[in-house]
Structure formats: structure tokens, C-alpha cells
Protein backbone atom coordinates (compact mmCIF):
# COMPACT_ATOMS: atom_id res chain seq x y z
CA MET A 1 15.02 -17.11 -2.08
CA ILE A 2 12.04 -15.39 -3.27
CA THR A 3 12.49 -12.26 -5.82
CA PHE A 4 11.25 -8.78 -5.39
CA ILE A 5 9.87 -6.62 -7.79
CA SER A 6 11.95 -5.43 -10.68
CA VAL A 7 11.26 -2.10 -11.54
CA THR A 8 11.48 -0.83 -14.91
CA VAL A 9 10.54 2.68 -15.75
CA ILE A 10 8.74 3.70 -19.20
CA LYS A 11 7.97 7.19 -20.38
CA LEU A 12 5.06 7.59 -22.48
CA ASN A 13 4.66 11.31 -24.65
CA HIS A 14 7.15 12.56 -22.31
CA LYS A 15 4.49 12.54 -19.27
CA THR A 16 5.03 11.42 -16.12
CA PRO A 17 6.96 7.74 -15.81
CA LEU A 18 5.20 5.11 -14.91
CA ILE A 19 6.68 2.33 -12.88
CA MET A 20 5.85 -1.20 -13.98
CA ASP A 21 6.06 -3.82 -11.38
CA THR A 22 7.23 -6.98 -13.66
CA ASN A 23 7.26 -9.35 -10.55
CA LEU A 24 4.14 -8.02 -9.03
CA VAL A 25 1.98 -10.78 -9.58
CA GLU A 26 4.42 -13.08 -8.03
CA ILE A 27 4.59 -11.35 -5.00
CA PHE A 28 0.88 -10.86 -4.80
CA TYR A 29 0.13 -14.48 -4.92
CA ILE A 30 2.58 -15.30 -2.01
CA ILE A 31 1.53 -12.56 -0.03
CA ASP A 32 -2.22 -13.95 -0.61
CA GLU A 33 -1.65 -17.46 -0.05
CA PHE A 34 0.00 -16.82 3.01
CA CYS A 35 -2.99 -14.40 4.48
CA LYS A 36 -5.32 -17.17 3.56
CA GLU A 37 -3.46 -19.47 5.74
CA ILE A 38 -3.34 -16.98 8.69
CA GLU A 39 -7.17 -16.62 8.48
CA LYS A 40 -7.53 -20.25 8.53
CA THR A 41 -5.45 -20.39 11.56
CA MET A 42 -6.62 -17.39 13.44
CA GLU A 43 -10.14 -18.34 12.70
CA GLY A 44 -12.00 -19.29 16.13
CA HIS A 45 -9.35 -18.39 18.43
CA VAL A 46 -9.98 -14.35 17.93
CA VAL A 47 -11.18 -13.05 21.28
CA THR A 48 -14.21 -10.53 20.51
CA LYS A 49 -15.89 -8.10 23.08
CA ASP A 50 -19.38 -9.16 24.42
CA THR A 51 -21.78 -6.68 23.21
CA SER A 52 -25.52 -6.91 22.24
CA LYS A 53 -25.12 -4.81 19.15
CA LYS A 54 -25.42 -6.73 15.82
CA LYS A 55 -22.54 -6.49 13.65
CA ARG A 56 -22.64 -6.71 9.72
CA ASN A 57 -20.16 -9.43 8.43
CA LYS A 58 -19.82 -7.46 5.36
CA ALA A 59 -16.52 -8.30 3.11
CA PHE A 60 -13.79 -5.39 2.95
CA THR A 61 -13.30 -3.73 -0.32
CA MET A 62 -9.86 -4.60 -0.14
CA SER A 63 -8.02 -7.90 1.15
CA ASP A 64 -4.97 -7.82 3.64
CA SER A 65 -2.82 -9.11 0.87
CA GLU A 66 -3.81 -6.23 -1.67
CA ILE A 67 -3.01 -3.81 1.42
CA ILE A 68 0.69 -5.62 2.02
CA THR A 69 1.28 -5.31 -1.51
CA ILE A 70 1.22 -1.63 -2.09
CA MET A 71 2.80 -1.16 0.88
CA LEU A 72 5.76 -3.01 -0.41
CA MET A 73 5.59 -1.20 -3.36
CA PHE A 74 5.64 2.00 -1.74
CA HIS A 75 9.14 0.95 -0.08
CA ARG A 76 10.75 -0.39 -3.11
CA SER A 77 9.60 3.09 -5.03
CA ARG A 78 11.07 6.65 -5.22
CA PHE A 79 8.47 8.13 -3.60
CA ARG A 80 8.71 9.29 -0.12
CA ASP A 81 5.17 10.26 0.87
CA MET A 82 2.58 7.41 0.88
CA LYS A 83 -0.42 9.49 0.23
CA ALA A 84 1.36 10.90 -2.80
CA PHE A 85 2.46 7.24 -4.10
CA TYR A 86 -1.16 5.78 -3.53
CA ILE A 87 -3.06 8.68 -5.08
CA ASN A 88 -0.96 9.80 -7.81
CA HIS A 89 0.44 6.11 -8.71
CA ILE A 90 -1.72 3.27 -7.33
CA GLN A 91 -5.39 5.14 -7.95
CA ARG A 92 -4.34 6.21 -11.39
CA TYR A 93 -1.96 3.91 -12.87
CA CYS A 94 -2.65 0.32 -11.21
CA GLN A 95 -6.22 0.30 -11.65
CA ARG A 96 -5.77 -2.87 -13.56
CA ASP A 97 -3.81 -4.66 -10.70
CA PHE A 98 -5.76 -2.85 -7.85
CA PRO A 99 -9.45 -2.62 -9.37
CA HIS A 100 -11.14 -1.59 -6.28
CA THR A 101 -9.38 0.95 -4.20
CA VAL A 102 -10.64 2.71 -1.15
CA SER A 103 -10.04 6.11 -0.35
CA TYR A 104 -6.71 7.10 1.25
CA ASN A 105 -8.23 7.43 4.90
CA ARG A 106 -9.78 4.62 4.72
CA PHE A 107 -6.23 2.70 3.31
CA VAL A 108 -4.88 3.85 6.37
CA GLU A 109 -7.30 2.39 8.28
CA LEU A 110 -7.29 -0.64 6.61
CA GLN A 111 -3.27 -0.74 7.44
CA GLN A 112 -3.92 -1.18 10.99
CA LYS A 113 -6.04 -4.41 10.54
CA ALA A 114 -3.19 -5.89 8.05
CA LEU A 115 -0.57 -5.27 10.75
CA VAL A 116 -0.50 -8.78 12.26
CA PRO A 117 -0.76 -10.76 9.11
CA MET A 118 2.09 -8.79 7.95
CA VAL A 119 4.49 -9.20 11.14
CA VAL A 120 3.97 -13.03 10.96
CA PHE A 121 4.77 -13.00 7.19
CA LEU A 122 8.08 -11.05 8.26
CA GLN A 123 9.16 -13.76 11.21
CA LEU A 124 8.04 -16.82 8.85
CA CYS A 125 8.89 -16.30 5.33
CA CYS A 126 11.39 -13.14 5.39
CA LEU A 127 14.08 -13.84 7.47
CA GLY A 128 17.47 -15.58 6.60
CA LYS A 129 19.30 -18.37 8.35
CA CYS A 130 22.44 -18.04 10.30
CA THR A 131 25.39 -19.04 8.12
CA GLY A 132 28.13 -18.98 10.92
CA ILE A 133 29.15 -15.75 10.46
CA SER A 134 26.70 -13.09 11.66
CA PHE A 135 27.02 -9.40 12.34
CA ILE A 136 25.11 -7.20 14.90
CA ASP A 137 24.66 -3.35 15.09
CA SER A 138 21.95 -1.11 16.40
CA THR A 139 20.68 2.00 14.42
CA PRO A 140 18.54 5.06 15.75
CA ILE A 141 14.74 5.24 14.66
CA ARG A 142 14.33 8.95 15.11
CA VAL A 143 10.36 9.84 15.57
CA CYS A 144 10.89 13.71 15.43
CA HIS A 145 13.95 16.27 15.94
CA ILE A 146 15.71 16.40 19.56
CA LYS A 147 14.42 19.77 20.26
CA ARG A 148 10.73 19.22 19.82
CA GLU A 149 10.87 16.08 22.48
CA LYS A 150 8.97 18.00 25.13
CA SER A 151 6.22 18.59 22.89
CA HIS A 152 6.05 15.53 20.70
CA LYS A 153 2.73 13.52 21.63
CA VAL A 154 2.15 10.45 19.17
CA PHE A 155 4.81 8.45 21.29
CA LYS A 156 4.43 10.38 24.49
CA GLY A 157 5.70 7.42 27.26
CA LEU A 158 7.05 5.02 24.73
CA ALA A 159 9.72 7.00 22.90
CA THR A 160 12.77 7.91 24.73
CA LYS A 161 16.09 10.14 24.36
CA GLY A 162 19.14 8.26 23.54
CA LYS A 163 22.82 8.75 22.01
CA SER A 164 24.23 7.48 19.31
CA THR A 165 28.13 7.86 17.75
CA ILE A 166 26.32 10.94 15.60
CA GLY A 167 24.69 12.42 18.70
CA TRP A 168 21.54 12.80 20.62
CA PHE A 169 17.81 11.47 19.35
CA PHE A 170 14.88 10.95 20.46
CA GLY A 171 12.92 7.72 19.32
CA PHE A 172 13.76 4.00 19.27
CA LYS A 173 16.70 1.87 18.65
CA LEU A 174 16.26 -0.88 15.76
CA HIS A 175 18.92 -3.56 16.51
CA LEU A 176 19.82 -6.16 13.76
CA VAL A 177 21.62 -9.29 13.18
CA ILE A 178 22.47 -10.11 9.45
CA ASN A 179 24.41 -13.15 7.70
CA ASP A 180 27.42 -12.63 5.27
CA LYS A 181 24.75 -12.62 2.50
CA GLY A 182 23.20 -9.70 3.67
CA GLU A 183 20.16 -11.08 5.07
CA ILE A 184 18.44 -9.90 8.06
CA ILE A 185 18.24 -12.95 10.44
CA LYS A 186 17.17 -10.87 13.62
CA CYS A 187 15.38 -7.66 14.50
CA LEU A 188 14.47 -6.30 17.26
CA ILE A 189 12.87 -2.37 18.45
CA THR A 190 13.71 -1.00 21.73
CA GLN A 191 13.79 2.20 23.43
CA ALA A 192 16.56 4.62 22.69
CA ASN A 193 18.19 4.37 26.57
CA VAL A 194 18.45 0.81 25.98
CA ASP A 195 22.07 -0.37 26.24
CA ASP A 196 22.91 -2.49 22.66
CA ARG A 197 24.50 -5.38 24.73
CA GLU A 198 20.76 -5.95 26.29
CA PRO A 199 18.94 -7.86 23.63
CA LEU A 200 22.17 -10.61 23.34
CA LYS A 201 21.40 -11.07 26.99
CA ASP A 202 18.04 -12.60 26.06
CA SER A 203 18.37 -16.47 24.96
CA ARG A 204 15.50 -15.83 22.94
CA PHE A 205 17.10 -13.60 20.73
CA HIS A 206 20.22 -15.28 19.60
CA GLU A 207 18.95 -19.08 19.92
CA GLN A 208 19.24 -19.21 16.16
CA LEU A 209 22.50 -18.00 16.06
CA PHE A 210 25.89 -20.01 16.22
CA GLY A 211 29.52 -19.45 14.90
CA LYS A 212 31.25 -16.18 14.88
CA LEU A 213 29.32 -12.74 15.93
CA PHE A 214 31.24 -9.45 14.87
CA ALA A 215 30.28 -6.23 16.40
CA ASP A 216 31.70 -2.61 17.23
CA LYS A 217 33.16 -1.71 20.46
CA GLY A 218 30.10 -0.82 22.02
CA TYR A 219 29.54 -4.71 22.86
CA ILE A 220 32.61 -5.10 24.56
CA SER A 221 31.77 -7.00 27.88
CA GLN A 222 33.40 -9.87 29.41
CA SER A 223 30.31 -11.17 31.04
CA LEU A 224 28.76 -11.11 27.89
CA PHE A 225 31.34 -12.85 25.77
CA ASP A 226 31.13 -15.87 28.39
CA GLN A 227 27.58 -16.22 28.45
CA LEU A 228 27.48 -16.26 24.47
CA PHE A 229 30.46 -18.85 24.30
CA ILE A 230 28.70 -21.17 26.32
CA ASP A 231 25.54 -20.92 23.57
CA ASN A 232 28.28 -21.83 21.06
CA ILE A 233 28.36 -18.08 19.93
CA HIS A 234 32.22 -16.07 19.63
CA LEU A 235 31.66 -12.62 20.11
CA ILE A 236 34.29 -10.66 17.98
CA THR A 237 34.88 -6.94 18.59
CA LYS A 238 37.73 -4.17 18.27
CA ILE A 239 39.49 -3.49 21.70
CA ARG A 240 39.64 0.17 23.08
CA LYS A 241 42.42 2.06 23.40
CA ASN A 242 42.94 1.67 27.04
CA MET A 243 42.66 -2.45 26.94
CA LYS A 244 45.33 -4.67 26.47
CA ASN A 245 45.97 -6.24 22.78
CA SER A 246 45.04 -9.80 22.16
CA LEU A 247 45.30 -12.36 19.74
CA MET A 248 43.12 -12.81 17.21
CA LEU A 249 42.91 -15.00 13.89
CA LEU A 250 43.79 -13.80 10.33
CA ASN A 251 40.20 -14.67 9.17
CA ASP A 252 38.70 -13.12 12.03
CA LYS A 253 40.60 -9.68 11.48
CA ILE A 254 39.91 -9.47 7.94
CA ILE A 255 36.22 -10.37 8.41
CA LEU A 256 35.94 -7.56 11.03
CA ARG A 257 36.98 -5.10 8.99
CA LYS A 258 34.22 -6.03 6.90
CA ARG A 259 31.49 -5.24 9.47
CA ALA A 260 31.13 -2.19 7.71
CA ILE A 261 28.33 -4.17 5.49
CA ILE A 262 25.61 -3.92 8.06
CA GLU A 263 26.16 0.02 8.30
CA THR A 264 25.60 0.06 4.47
CA ILE A 265 22.02 -2.01 5.12
CA ASN A 266 20.91 0.35 7.90
CA ASP A 267 21.43 3.24 5.35
CA LEU A 268 19.61 1.20 2.74
CA LEU A 269 16.74 0.58 5.22
CA LYS A 270 16.55 4.41 5.84
CA ASN A 271 17.18 5.86 2.28
CA GLY A 272 16.01 3.15 0.16
CA CYS A 273 13.37 1.66 2.33
CA GLN A 274 12.15 4.26 4.35
CA ILE A 275 11.88 2.88 7.70
CA GLU A 276 12.81 6.24 9.54
CA HIS A 277 10.64 9.25 9.15
CA THR A 278 8.87 11.76 11.54
CA ARG A 279 5.54 11.99 9.82
CA HIS A 280 3.79 9.22 12.11
CA ARG A 281 0.38 9.93 13.60
CA SER A 282 0.20 6.54 15.49
CA VAL A 283 2.18 3.95 16.81
CA ALA A 284 0.37 1.29 14.61
CA ASN A 285 1.40 3.69 11.18
CA PHE A 286 4.83 3.60 13.08
CA VAL A 287 4.95 -0.11 13.67
CA GLY A 288 3.55 -0.95 9.80
CA ASN A 289 6.19 1.60 8.12
CA LEU A 290 8.78 -0.38 9.91
CA VAL A 291 7.66 -4.00 9.31
CA ALA A 292 7.30 -3.17 5.46
CA GLY A 293 10.30 -1.62 5.04
CA LEU A 294 12.49 -4.79 6.45
CA ILE A 295 10.07 -6.99 4.51
CA ALA A 296 11.18 -4.89 1.31
CA TYR A 297 14.33 -5.01 1.91
CA ASN A 298 14.49 -8.94 2.63
CA LEU A 299 12.73 -9.58 -0.61
CA ALA A 300 14.83 -7.61 -2.50
CA PRO A 301 16.84 -9.35 -5.61
CA LYS A 302 20.25 -8.04 -4.77
CA LYS A 303 21.65 -7.34 -0.97
CA PRO A 304 25.22 -6.23 0.17
CA ALA A 305 26.77 -9.33 0.52
CA LEU A 306 30.55 -10.77 1.31
CA ASN A 307 32.02 -13.19 -1.23
CA LEU A 308 33.32 -15.56 1.45
CA GLU A 309 33.67 -19.42 0.67
CA ILE A 310 33.09 -21.44 3.46
CA ILE A 311 35.25 -24.36 3.29
CA ASP A 312 34.36 -27.51 5.22
CA LEU A 313 37.47 -29.55 6.31
CA ASP A 314 36.08 -32.43 7.99
CA ALA A 315 33.89 -33.18 4.60
CA ILE A 316 37.36 -32.96 2.31
CA LYS A 317 39.04 -35.09 4.70
CA LYS A 318 35.83 -37.83 4.37
CA VAL A 319 35.75 -37.65 0.80
CA ALA A 320 40.00 -37.74 0.75
């Protein structure tokens, strides 16, 4: 598993603390090698507009790997503003690591260019594997305050109004599936008014899952339970007050009580990796911020995890 940047704070003469990324070179090397492979794969398969104007094939000042690395550093830092992080930290203290930086406006433009490699990197290199014990939940991604939904223009026609356990919100929903190690297995962004059970009805979303899937009461559905059971997935939820009690294995009951681990991960993604804020000025910026936050979390060395020991009884019987 790839380890992410371990951060150490050093103070020089009581001035502004500097963040020293001891593992920055390793992260940049992995991303740079991946971007080179993506460029080789996409070469000759990109559709371009037929124009009579000649275009210059001038190389960009900053590469995609540098852009992605800076975005990951921001999502693992204590900064809450990308502009302040880029100007006050990258351009001031990281000139040795990034000698050819551009202006912040140009950096925002280059983020859109690096969006496709970043999404592919998340899907191919960062997601975990199913261990037979999975947890699913959805969390709201607000793009503005609910009172400003009528005047909001950036996500007009895309963001919708939805309701969570906290209350009404305007934006999107992020659906996550994690394993007992705290690794994200699947992620999907939908509109806010989409039911939590809808993604599970699509076989492409749960094709990599097997074993037991623990969820909250919002996923209760007999038809969904039958559909997943055919696909070798046992959906386990708590029951509502007006439902008849049903028998449950003691192990399943104990693990169901630990379902709050996914709530902890949602909190880390929002408050630690900063995947949610209301300062977006374009859809591409929103997607890039979300994907970079998910990558930063998956590459973190420590994640919330359950201390479970899965014993293979069949293997023990064969040895005995």
C-alpha cells in the first residue's frame, strides 16, 4: 500500500512554521510515472476539433504530475484556502521541489487539464479491495447554503435539494463503500434528491463486492435485499420500530454496532481532506477538489479501521 506524506512542523527563528514533506519525492514519482503511462495510452486516441488555425505544441511550464501533487499536498495540509496555500507555501517554501511555478490563475486553468489523469489514478491505483465485510453510507456535499439555492448559478441545473438526518441541503450526495480496514472500495456522486438505495440497484456499482454489507435504516428494502443476495451480497441493517424483530448472528450484531466507522470517515473527508466547501466557481473545480480529497485520504498512512481477525475455517480443517 502506498504511504502518503508524513508531515513534520519545523519553526525557524519563531517565524511562520514550514511544512516539510518527507515523502514528497516518492508520491511525485508514483504520480509522474502514472501520468507518463496515461499520455502514452491516450496518444493517437484523442479527438480534436478540425480547425484551419495552426496550434503551437509548446510544452506546459508545469506538468500534470506537479499539479496533482500540489493538490494532494493541499488536501493533507491545515490550509483551508487553495490560493493562500499555493502563494504563501508552495511559491515561498517549495521552490526547490517546484522550481517552475506559474501564477495562481494559470494554476487553476491547469487543474482542469490534470482532471482526467487524476480521476483515472483514483480508479486504478487508490481504491481498496473488498474483504467480505463492507459498510455503505451517503453524505451530503453542500455547494451553498439552502437559503441561497434560488440565486446559485455555478451548479444551476445540476445541484438539487435533498434531505439528510441533519436537515435540508442543496448540492449533491457522495455514496461511499468501505471495507473493515477503512479503505474506500467504491465512490459515486449523485444529485441530492437521489435515494440512497439507487446506486446499489446498479450491478456496476456493487460488482466488486461480496460477503456482508452493513448499512443504516435508509437502505431497508426487501427487493434490494433479494437482488443483492443473488449477487452474493448479504445486506444487513437495523430494523425500524414498526417492523417485526428478526434473528441475527451475534457476530453480525456486533459488527453492525461498528457501522459508525464510515461516519468517522465522512467527517475526515469533509474536515480533514476538505472535499466540501462553498467557494467553487466551476463544475470542473468541484470535481477536481472532490477527487483530490478522496486520493489524499486513500493514500494516508493511518485510517479508521476495525481490529477484526478473519479466520478461514476451511483452511484450518485442511491443515488439521
